[in-house]
Structures are given as structure tokens and as C-alpha cells.
Amino acid sequence: MLTTTITDFRKDIKSYLDKVTDNYETLIINRGGDSGVVIMSLDEFNSLNATNHELSSKKNEKRLDSAIQKFRTGKSFTKELIEI
């Protein structure tokens, strides 16, 4: 996680944004007091939203927990994808 001030961010915007996108870093820009802004890559944002959706209902959460448990105990299996 990277942290900077708005002044330093303005001085080197490209470098900060490159670090965020290339290294999957999260950037926090401190604006003073308890105020701030978080910048993350689009891939990271989409992943976070997908995880949030998967955990948005108890049914989905139980399915995911079950799948993780099967994987950890070696009770999972693989399937080949059929190309259409």
C-alpha cells in the first residue's frame, strides 16, 4: 500500500498511477485530517466487486465456503472447458 500527499501526487502523477496499475498497489492520498482518497487499478476494483457480489448473500457465501473446503481436502475435480 502506498501513501502520499496531494502535493506529492501532483508532482509525479504518472509514476504513482504506473505503480498502482503495474504492481497492483493501492494508493492512499492523504488530504489532511481524516480525509483521503483511495486509488486502485481497474482490475483490482473489478475483483473486489466480484468478491463482494459472491459474498452478498448467505447462499453464495455457503457455496463458496463449500468449494474452498472441497479444494483444501482434495475432494475437488477439474473439468475441461468446451469451446463454442
PDB file of N, CA and C in Angstrom:
ATOM      1  N   MET A   1       0.850  -1.165   0.000  1.00  0.00           N
ATOM      2  CA  MET A   1       0.000   0.000   0.000  1.00  0.00           C
ATOM      3  C   MET A   1       0.899   1.233   0.000  1.00  0.00           C
ATOM      4  N   LEU A   2       0.599   2.135  -0.886  1.00  0.00           N
ATOM      5  CA  LEU A   2       1.346   3.393  -0.989  1.00  0.00           C
ATOM      6  C   LEU A   2       0.546   4.517  -0.347  1.00  0.00           C
ATOM      7  N   THR A   3       1.243   5.458   0.243  1.00  0.00           N
ATOM      8  CA  THR A   3       0.602   6.629   0.830  1.00  0.00           C
ATOM      9  C   THR A   3       1.358   7.872   0.392  1.00  0.00           C
ATOM     10  N   THR A   4       0.634   8.909   0.059  1.00  0.00           N
ATOM     11  CA  THR A   4       1.266  10.167  -0.332  1.00  0.00           C
ATOM     12  C   THR A   4       0.340  11.323  -0.002  1.00  0.00           C
ATOM     13  N   THR A   5       0.853  12.504  -0.202  1.00  0.00           N
ATOM     14  CA  THR A   5       0.045  13.716  -0.042  1.00  0.00           C
ATOM     15  C   THR A   5      -0.431  14.155  -1.420  1.00  0.00           C
ATOM     16  N   ILE A   6      -1.421  15.008  -1.449  1.00  0.00           N
ATOM     17  CA  ILE A   6      -1.932  15.518  -2.722  1.00  0.00           C
ATOM     18  C   ILE A   6      -0.842  16.308  -3.455  1.00  0.00           C
ATOM     19  N   THR A   7      -0.008  17.008  -2.705  1.00  0.00           N
ATOM     20  CA  THR A   7       1.074  17.792  -3.309  1.00  0.00           C
ATOM     21  C   THR A   7       2.077  16.883  -4.017  1.00  0.00           C
ATOM     22  N   ASP A   8       2.515  15.823  -3.328  1.00  0.00           N
ATOM     23  CA  ASP A   8       3.463  14.888  -3.943  1.00  0.00           C
ATOM     24  C   ASP A   8       2.833  14.128  -5.099  1.00  0.00           C
ATOM     25  N   PHE A   9       1.563  13.798  -4.970  1.00  0.00           N
ATOM     26  CA  PHE A   9       0.860  13.101  -6.051  1.00  0.00           C
ATOM     27  C   PHE A   9       0.844  13.962  -7.308  1.00  0.00           C
ATOM     28  N   ARG A  10       0.547  15.232  -7.164  1.00  0.00           N
ATOM     29  CA  ARG A  10       0.513  16.151  -8.309  1.00  0.00           C
ATOM     30  C   ARG A  10       1.867  16.232  -9.009  1.00  0.00           C
ATOM     31  N   LYS A  11       2.948  16.163  -8.227  1.00  0.00           N
ATOM     32  CA  LYS A  11       4.295  16.282  -8.785  1.00  0.00           C
ATOM     33  C   LYS A  11       4.646  15.107  -9.698  1.00  0.00           C
ATOM     34  N   ASP A  12       4.091  13.922  -9.399  1.00  0.00           N
ATOM     35  CA  ASP A  12       4.503  12.733 -10.135  1.00  0.00           C
ATOM     36  C   ASP A  12       3.324  11.777 -10.361  1.00  0.00           C
ATOM     37  N   ILE A  13       2.243  12.297 -10.928  1.00  0.00           N
ATOM     38  CA  ILE A  13       1.022  11.517 -11.132  1.00  0.00           C
ATOM     39  C   ILE A  13       1.297  10.240 -11.913  1.00  0.00           C
ATOM     40  N   LYS A  14       2.010  10.339 -13.021  1.00  0.00           N
ATOM     41  CA  LYS A  14       2.246   9.173 -13.877  1.00  0.00           C
ATOM     42  C   LYS A  14       2.953   8.057 -13.113  1.00  0.00           C
ATOM     43  N   SER A  15       3.972   8.402 -12.369  1.00  0.00           N
ATOM     44  CA  SER A  15       4.717   7.385 -11.608  1.00  0.00           C
ATOM     45  C   SER A  15       3.815   6.670 -10.604  1.00  0.00           C
ATOM     46  N   TYR A  16       2.994   7.432  -9.893  1.00  0.00           N
ATOM     47  CA  TYR A  16       2.084   6.828  -8.921  1.00  0.00           C
ATOM     48  C   TYR A  16       1.063   5.914  -9.611  1.00  0.00           C
ATOM     49  N   LEU A  17       0.487   6.392 -10.716  1.00  0.00           N
ATOM     50  CA  LEU A  17      -0.515   5.579 -11.414  1.00  0.00           C
ATOM     51  C   LEU A  17       0.115   4.330 -12.034  1.00  0.00           C
ATOM     52  N   ASP A  18       1.359   4.438 -12.500  1.00  0.00           N
ATOM     53  CA  ASP A  18       2.061   3.260 -13.016  1.00  0.00           C
ATOM     54  C   ASP A  18       2.252   2.216 -11.916  1.00  0.00           C
ATOM     55  N   LYS A  19       2.618   2.658 -10.714  1.00  0.00           N
ATOM     56  CA  LYS A  19       2.796   1.731  -9.593  1.00  0.00           C
ATOM     57  C   LYS A  19       1.479   1.049  -9.246  1.00  0.00           C
ATOM     58  N   VAL A  20       0.397   1.808  -9.298  1.00  0.00           N
ATOM     59  CA  VAL A  20      -0.922   1.244  -8.978  1.00  0.00           C
ATOM     60  C   VAL A  20      -1.309   0.176  -9.995  1.00  0.00           C
ATOM     61  N   THR A  21      -1.150   0.471 -11.275  1.00  0.00           N
ATOM     62  CA  THR A  21      -1.590  -0.477 -12.302  1.00  0.00           C
ATOM     63  C   THR A  21      -0.599  -1.609 -12.522  1.00  0.00           C
ATOM     64  N   ASP A  22       0.686  -1.320 -12.496  1.00  0.00           N
ATOM     65  CA  ASP A  22       1.692  -2.351 -12.790  1.00  0.00           C
ATOM     66  C   ASP A  22       1.919  -3.317 -11.630  1.00  0.00           C
ATOM     67  N   ASN A  23       1.809  -2.829 -10.405  1.00  0.00           N
ATOM     68  CA  ASN A  23       2.142  -3.646  -9.229  1.00  0.00           C
ATOM     69  C   ASN A  23       0.935  -3.977  -8.362  1.00  0.00           C
ATOM     70  N   TYR A  24      -0.263  -3.670  -8.854  1.00  0.00           N
ATOM     71  CA  TYR A  24      -1.491  -3.898  -8.084  1.00  0.00           C
ATOM     72  C   TYR A  24      -1.411  -3.271  -6.695  1.00  0.00           C
ATOM     73  N   GLU A  25      -0.809  -2.091  -6.644  1.00  0.00           N
ATOM     74  CA  GLU A  25      -0.714  -1.349  -5.393  1.00  0.00           C
ATOM     75  C   GLU A  25      -2.004  -0.566  -5.175  1.00  0.00           C
ATOM     76  N   THR A  26      -2.305  -0.288  -3.935  1.00  0.00           N
ATOM     77  CA  THR A  26      -3.383   0.629  -3.587  1.00  0.00           C
ATOM     78  C   THR A  26      -2.729   1.906  -3.107  1.00  0.00           C
ATOM     79  N   LEU A  27      -3.192   3.027  -3.613  1.00  0.00           N
ATOM     80  CA  LEU A  27      -2.613   4.321  -3.260  1.00  0.00           C
ATOM     81  C   LEU A  27      -3.607   5.100  -2.413  1.00  0.00           C
ATOM     82  N   ILE A  28      -3.139   5.590  -1.292  1.00  0.00           N
ATOM     83  CA  ILE A  28      -3.946   6.455  -0.437  1.00  0.00           C
ATOM     84  C   ILE A  28      -3.356   7.849  -0.508  1.00  0.00           C
ATOM     85  N   ILE A  29      -4.185   8.804  -0.904  1.00  0.00           N
ATOM     86  CA  ILE A  29      -3.761  10.200  -0.945  1.00  0.00           C
ATOM     87  C   ILE A  29      -4.359  10.896   0.265  1.00  0.00           C
ATOM     88  N   ASN A  30      -3.501  11.283   1.172  1.00  0.00           N
ATOM     89  CA  ASN A  30      -3.921  11.945   2.404  1.00  0.00           C
ATOM     90  C   ASN A  30      -4.224  13.404   2.097  1.00  0.00           C
ATOM     91  N   ARG A  31      -5.419  13.840   2.484  1.00  0.00           N
ATOM     92  CA  ARG A  31      -5.829  15.225   2.220  1.00  0.00           C
ATOM     93  C   ARG A  31      -5.917  16.044   3.504  1.00  0.00           C
ATOM     94  N   GLY A  32      -5.362  15.504   4.577  1.00  0.00           N
ATOM     95  CA  GLY A  32      -5.366  16.227   5.847  1.00  0.00           C
ATOM     96  C   GLY A  32      -6.492  15.754   6.748  1.00  0.00           C
ATOM     97  N   GLY A  33      -6.227  15.718   8.019  1.00  0.00           N
ATOM     98  CA  GLY A  33      -7.228  15.235   8.972  1.00  0.00           C
ATOM     99  C   GLY A  33      -7.584  13.793   8.687  1.00  0.00           C
ATOM    100  N   ASP A  34      -8.859  13.504   8.709  1.00  0.00           N
ATOM    101  CA  ASP A  34      -9.322  12.150   8.411  1.00  0.00           C
ATOM    102  C   ASP A  34      -9.783  12.012   6.963  1.00  0.00           C
ATOM    103  N   SER A  35      -9.418  12.970   6.120  1.00  0.00           N
ATOM    104  CA  SER A  35      -9.862  12.975   4.744  1.00  0.00           C
ATOM    105  C   SER A  35      -8.807  12.341   3.845  1.00  0.00           C
ATOM    106  N   GLY A  36      -9.259  11.569   2.882  1.00  0.00           N
ATOM    107  CA  GLY A  36      -8.324  10.958   1.959  1.00  0.00           C
ATOM    108  C   GLY A  36      -9.041  10.343   0.776  1.00  0.00           C
ATOM    109  N   VAL A  37      -8.254   9.904  -0.185  1.00  0.00           N
ATOM    110  CA  VAL A  37      -8.766   9.286  -1.398  1.00  0.00           C
ATOM    111  C   VAL A  37      -7.983   8.004  -1.630  1.00  0.00           C
ATOM    112  N   VAL A  38      -8.673   6.966  -2.090  1.00  0.00           N
ATOM    113  CA  VAL A  38      -8.027   5.703  -2.410  1.00  0.00           C
ATOM    114  C   VAL A  38      -8.061   5.511  -3.918  1.00  0.00           C
ATOM    115  N   ILE A  39      -6.916   5.138  -4.492  1.00  0.00           N
ATOM    116  CA  ILE A  39      -6.837   4.848  -5.917  1.00  0.00           C
ATOM    117  C   ILE A  39      -6.366   3.406  -6.067  1.00  0.00           C
ATOM    118  N   MET A  40      -7.087   2.654  -6.900  1.00  0.00           N
ATOM    119  CA  MET A  40      -6.686   1.275  -7.190  1.00  0.00           C
ATOM    120  C   MET A  40      -6.883   1.011  -8.671  1.00  0.00           C
ATOM    121  N   SER A  41      -6.246  -0.033  -9.167  1.00  0.00           N
ATOM    122  CA  SER A  41      -6.378  -0.358 -10.585  1.00  0.00           C
ATOM    123  C   SER A  41      -7.789  -0.845 -10.886  1.00  0.00           C
ATOM    124  N   LEU A  42      -8.168  -0.760 -12.138  1.00  0.00           N
ATOM    125  CA  LEU A  42      -9.481  -1.233 -12.556  1.00  0.00           C
ATOM    126  C   LEU A  42      -9.606  -2.737 -12.311  1.00  0.00           C
ATOM    127  N   ASP A  43      -8.544  -3.493 -12.571  1.00  0.00           N
ATOM    128  CA  ASP A  43      -8.571  -4.942 -12.313  1.00  0.00           C
ATOM    129  C   ASP A  43      -8.842  -5.236 -10.840  1.00  0.00           C
ATOM    130  N   GLU A  44      -8.161  -4.496  -9.964  1.00  0.00           N
ATOM    131  CA  GLU A  44      -8.351  -4.686  -8.522  1.00  0.00           C
ATOM    132  C   GLU A  44      -9.768  -4.307  -8.105  1.00  0.00           C
ATOM    133  N   PHE A  45     -10.284  -3.222  -8.648  1.00  0.00           N
ATOM    134  CA  PHE A  45     -11.646  -2.780  -8.357  1.00  0.00           C
ATOM    135  C   PHE A  45     -12.665  -3.830  -8.804  1.00  0.00           C
ATOM    136  N   ASN A  46     -12.503  -4.350 -10.024  1.00  0.00           N
ATOM    137  CA  ASN A  46     -13.422  -5.371 -10.526  1.00  0.00           C
ATOM    138  C   ASN A  46     -13.362  -6.638  -9.689  1.00  0.00           C
ATOM    139  N   SER A  47     -12.170  -7.020  -9.268  1.00  0.00           N
ATOM    140  CA  SER A  47     -12.011  -8.193  -8.413  1.00  0.00           C
ATOM    141  C   SER A  47     -12.704  -7.993  -7.068  1.00  0.00           C
ATOM    142  N   LEU A  48     -12.541  -6.828  -6.502  1.00  0.00           N
ATOM    143  CA  LEU A  48     -13.188  -6.503  -5.228  1.00  0.00           C
ATOM    144  C   LEU A  48     -14.706  -6.544  -5.357  1.00  0.00           C
ATOM    145  N   ASN A  49     -15.234  -5.989  -6.448  1.00  0.00           N
ATOM    146  CA  ASN A  49     -16.678  -6.027  -6.678  1.00  0.00           C
ATOM    147  C   ASN A  49     -17.188  -7.446  -6.888  1.00  0.00           C
ATOM    148  N   ALA A  50     -16.428  -8.273  -7.605  1.00  0.00           N
ATOM    149  CA  ALA A  50     -16.836  -9.663  -7.820  1.00  0.00           C
ATOM    150  C   ALA A  50     -16.877 -10.417  -6.490  1.00  0.00           C
ATOM    151  N   THR A  51     -15.868 -10.198  -5.655  1.00  0.00           N
ATOM    152  CA  THR A  51     -15.846 -10.835  -4.335  1.00  0.00           C
ATOM    153  C   THR A  51     -17.015 -10.360  -3.492  1.00  0.00           C
ATOM    154  N   ASN A  52     -17.284  -9.071  -3.526  1.00  0.00           N
ATOM    155  CA  ASN A  52     -18.415  -8.517  -2.786  1.00  0.00           C
ATOM    156  C   ASN A  52     -19.730  -9.148  -3.238  1.00  0.00           C
ATOM    157  N   HIS A  53     -19.885  -9.330  -4.549  1.00  0.00           N
ATOM    158  CA  HIS A  53     -21.089  -9.966  -5.073  1.00  0.00           C
ATOM    159  C   HIS A  53     -21.194 -11.411  -4.597  1.00  0.00           C
ATOM    160  N   GLU A  54     -20.082 -12.142  -4.654  1.00  0.00           N
ATOM    161  CA  GLU A  54     -20.100 -13.547  -4.240  1.00  0.00           C
ATOM    162  C   GLU A  54     -20.473 -13.701  -2.768  1.00  0.00           C
ATOM    163  N   LEU A  55     -20.116 -12.726  -1.968  1.00  0.00           N
ATOM    164  CA  LEU A  55     -20.398 -12.804  -0.532  1.00  0.00           C
ATOM    165  C   LEU A  55     -21.647 -12.012  -0.142  1.00  0.00           C
ATOM    166  N   SER A  56     -22.415 -11.561  -1.134  1.00  0.00           N
ATOM    167  CA  SER A  56     -23.554 -10.690  -0.846  1.00  0.00           C
ATOM    168  C   SER A  56     -24.778 -11.433  -0.298  1.00  0.00           C
ATOM    169  N   SER A  57     -24.804 -12.739  -0.463  1.00  0.00           N
ATOM    170  CA  SER A  57     -25.921 -13.495   0.106  1.00  0.00           C
ATOM    171  C   SER A  57     -25.377 -14.705   0.852  1.00  0.00           C
ATOM    172  N   LYS A  58     -26.127 -15.166   1.827  1.00  0.00           N
ATOM    173  CA  LYS A  58     -25.703 -16.335   2.611  1.00  0.00           C
ATOM    174  C   LYS A  58     -25.565 -17.567   1.715  1.00  0.00           C
ATOM    175  N   LYS A  59     -26.463 -17.702   0.741  1.00  0.00           N
ATOM    176  CA  LYS A  59     -26.409 -18.854  -0.161  1.00  0.00           C
ATOM    177  C   LYS A  59     -25.094 -18.869  -0.950  1.00  0.00           C
ATOM    178  N   ASN A  60     -24.726 -17.728  -1.519  1.00  0.00           N
ATOM    179  CA  ASN A  60     -23.464 -17.636  -2.253  1.00  0.00           C
ATOM    180  C   ASN A  60     -22.268 -17.878  -1.333  1.00  0.00           C
ATOM    181  N   GLU A  61     -22.332 -17.319  -0.136  1.00  0.00           N
ATOM    182  CA  GLU A  61     -21.245 -17.479   0.819  1.00  0.00           C
ATOM    183  C   GLU A  61     -21.061 -18.953   1.186  1.00  0.00           C
ATOM    184  N   LYS A  62     -22.164 -19.667   1.418  1.00  0.00           N
ATOM    185  CA  LYS A  62     -22.080 -21.092   1.757  1.00  0.00           C
ATOM    186  C   LYS A  62     -21.517 -21.902   0.592  1.00  0.00           C
ATOM    187  N   ARG A  63     -21.934 -21.576  -0.638  1.00  0.00           N
ATOM    188  CA  ARG A  63     -21.409 -22.258  -1.822  1.00  0.00           C
ATOM    189  C   ARG A  63     -19.903 -22.075  -1.950  1.00  0.00           C
ATOM    190  N   LEU A  64     -19.467 -20.851  -1.755  1.00  0.00           N
ATOM    191  CA  LEU A  64     -18.049 -20.546  -1.858  1.00  0.00           C
ATOM    192  C   LEU A  64     -17.259 -21.247  -0.758  1.00  0.00           C
ATOM    193  N   ASP A  65     -17.753 -21.215   0.476  1.00  0.00           N
ATOM    194  CA  ASP A  65     -17.093 -21.907   1.581  1.00  0.00           C
ATOM    195  C   ASP A  65     -17.003 -23.404   1.310  1.00  0.00           C
ATOM    196  N   SER A  66     -18.053 -23.976   0.769  1.00  0.00           N
ATOM    197  CA  SER A  66     -18.069 -25.399   0.444  1.00  0.00           C
ATOM    198  C   SER A  66     -17.027 -25.734  -0.626  1.00  0.00           C
ATOM    199  N   ALA A  67     -16.944 -24.904  -1.637  1.00  0.00           N
ATOM    200  CA  ALA A  67     -15.972 -25.128  -2.712  1.00  0.00           C
ATOM    201  C   ALA A  67     -14.541 -25.029  -2.185  1.00  0.00           C
ATOM    202  N   ILE A  68     -14.293 -24.067  -1.322  1.00  0.00           N
ATOM    203  CA  ILE A  68     -12.957 -23.908  -0.736  1.00  0.00           C
ATOM    204  C   ILE A  68     -12.614 -25.122   0.112  1.00  0.00           C
ATOM    205  N   GLN A  69     -13.565 -25.589   0.896  1.00  0.00           N
ATOM    206  CA  GLN A  69     -13.341 -26.761   1.748  1.00  0.00           C
ATOM    207  C   GLN A  69     -13.039 -27.996   0.907  1.00  0.00           C
ATOM    208  N   LYS A  70     -13.793 -28.201  -0.172  1.00  0.00           N
ATOM    209  CA  LYS A  70     -13.543 -29.335  -1.068  1.00  0.00           C
ATOM    210  C   LYS A  70     -12.153 -29.248  -1.681  1.00  0.00           C
ATOM    211  N   PHE A  71     -11.747 -28.060  -2.067  1.00  0.00           N
ATOM    212  CA  PHE A  71     -10.421 -27.876  -2.645  1.00  0.00           C
ATOM    213  C   PHE A  71      -9.337 -28.201  -1.630  1.00  0.00           C
ATOM    214  N   ARG A  72      -9.494 -27.720  -0.419  1.00  0.00           N
ATOM    215  CA  ARG A  72      -8.480 -27.935   0.625  1.00  0.00           C
ATOM    216  C   ARG A  72      -8.367 -29.403   1.036  1.00  0.00           C
ATOM    217  N   THR A  73      -9.454 -30.124   0.983  1.00  0.00           N
ATOM    218  CA  THR A  73      -9.435 -31.529   1.397  1.00  0.00           C
ATOM    219  C   THR A  73      -9.199 -32.487   0.231  1.00  0.00           C
ATOM    220  N   GLY A  74      -8.942 -31.945  -0.947  1.00  0.00           N
ATOM    221  CA  GLY A  74      -8.650 -32.783  -2.102  1.00  0.00           C
ATOM    222  C   GLY A  74      -9.870 -33.434  -2.709  1.00  0.00           C
ATOM    223  N   LYS A  75     -11.041 -32.939  -2.413  1.00  0.00           N
ATOM    224  CA  LYS A  75     -12.276 -33.515  -2.936  1.00  0.00           C
ATOM    225  C   LYS A  75     -12.805 -32.745  -4.142  1.00  0.00           C
ATOM    226  N   SER A  76     -11.967 -31.902  -4.701  1.00  0.00           N
ATOM    227  CA  SER A  76     -12.385 -31.151  -5.884  1.00  0.00           C
ATOM    228  C   SER A  76     -11.976 -31.922  -7.137  1.00  0.00           C
ATOM    229  N   PHE A  77     -12.472 -31.480  -8.262  1.00  0.00           N
ATOM    230  CA  PHE A  77     -12.122 -32.120  -9.526  1.00  0.00           C
ATOM    231  C   PHE A  77     -12.000 -31.051 -10.595  1.00  0.00           C
ATOM    232  N   THR A  78     -11.370 -31.409 -11.687  1.00  0.00           N
ATOM    233  CA  THR A  78     -11.223 -30.457 -12.781  1.00  0.00           C
ATOM    234  C   THR A  78     -12.085 -30.880 -13.959  1.00  0.00           C
ATOM    235  N   LYS A  79     -12.478 -29.914 -14.726  1.00  0.00           N
ATOM    236  CA  LYS A  79     -13.250 -30.151 -15.929  1.00  0.00           C
ATOM    237  C   LYS A  79     -12.592 -29.378 -17.061  1.00  0.00           C
ATOM    238  N   GLU A  80     -12.661 -29.942 -18.241  1.00  0.00           N
ATOM    239  CA  GLU A  80     -12.178 -29.226 -19.407  1.00  0.00           C
ATOM    240  C   GLU A  80     -13.297 -28.354 -19.948  1.00  0.00           C
ATOM    241  N   LEU A  81     -12.947 -27.158 -20.360  1.00  0.00           N
ATOM    242  CA  LEU A  81     -13.944 -26.257 -20.930  1.00  0.00           C
ATOM    243  C   LEU A  81     -14.190 -26.623 -22.377  1.00  0.00           C
ATOM    244  N   ILE A  82     -15.419 -26.540 -22.773  1.00  0.00           N
ATOM    245  CA  ILE A  82     -15.799 -26.806 -24.160  1.00  0.00           C
ATOM    246  C   ILE A  82     -15.841 -25.467 -24.879  1.00  0.00           C
ATOM    247  N   GLU A  83     -15.067 -25.383 -25.947  1.00  0.00           N
ATOM    248  CA  GLU A  83     -15.094 -24.147 -26.734  1.00  0.00           C
ATOM    249  C   GLU A  83     -16.248 -24.184 -27.707  1.00  0.00           C
ATOM    250  N   ILE A  84     -16.947 -23.068 -27.789  1.00  0.00           N
ATOM    251  CA  ILE A  84     -18.092 -22.983 -28.689  1.00  0.00           C
ATOM    252  C   ILE A  84     -17.714 -22.193 -29.915  1.00  0.00           C
TER     253      ILE A  84
END
